[in-house]
C-alpha cells in the first residue's frame, strides 16, 4: 500500500517483504522477510525526508508469533538501535499473501 501523511505524521502502512519490482522475498524465512519489510519502511520514511529515528509507533503483525518472536525482536532492536518507539506485536492467523509471515505498520513524526 502507498504511504500517506496526516498532520505531518507519515504513515507507512502494509510494509511487507516485496522488492522494488513487486516480487515476494524470503518465502518461509522470517529473517529475510523482516529485513526486506524494514528496508521498505526505510524507503517510505526517506520519501517523507525522515529516518527510523522519527518513528513514534510500530505495529507488527506476525503469523506464528511463538516461533518468530525471538528472531523478530533481535532484528527489531538492530533496526531501531537506541531509539525505542512504541511497538505492538500482534499474532495473526494469516496474511494477504500465502507465504507472508510479517507485516509492519509505522507512524513517524516530521519534527
Foldseek 3Di string as FASTA:
>chain_A
DAWDDDPQKIKDFWQWAADPVRHHPDQVHLLNGLVNSLVVVQVNQVVSVHGLLQWQEKEKEFEPCVVCVVVNVVVVCVRNPPRDHHYHYHYDNQDPDHRTGMTMMIIGGDD
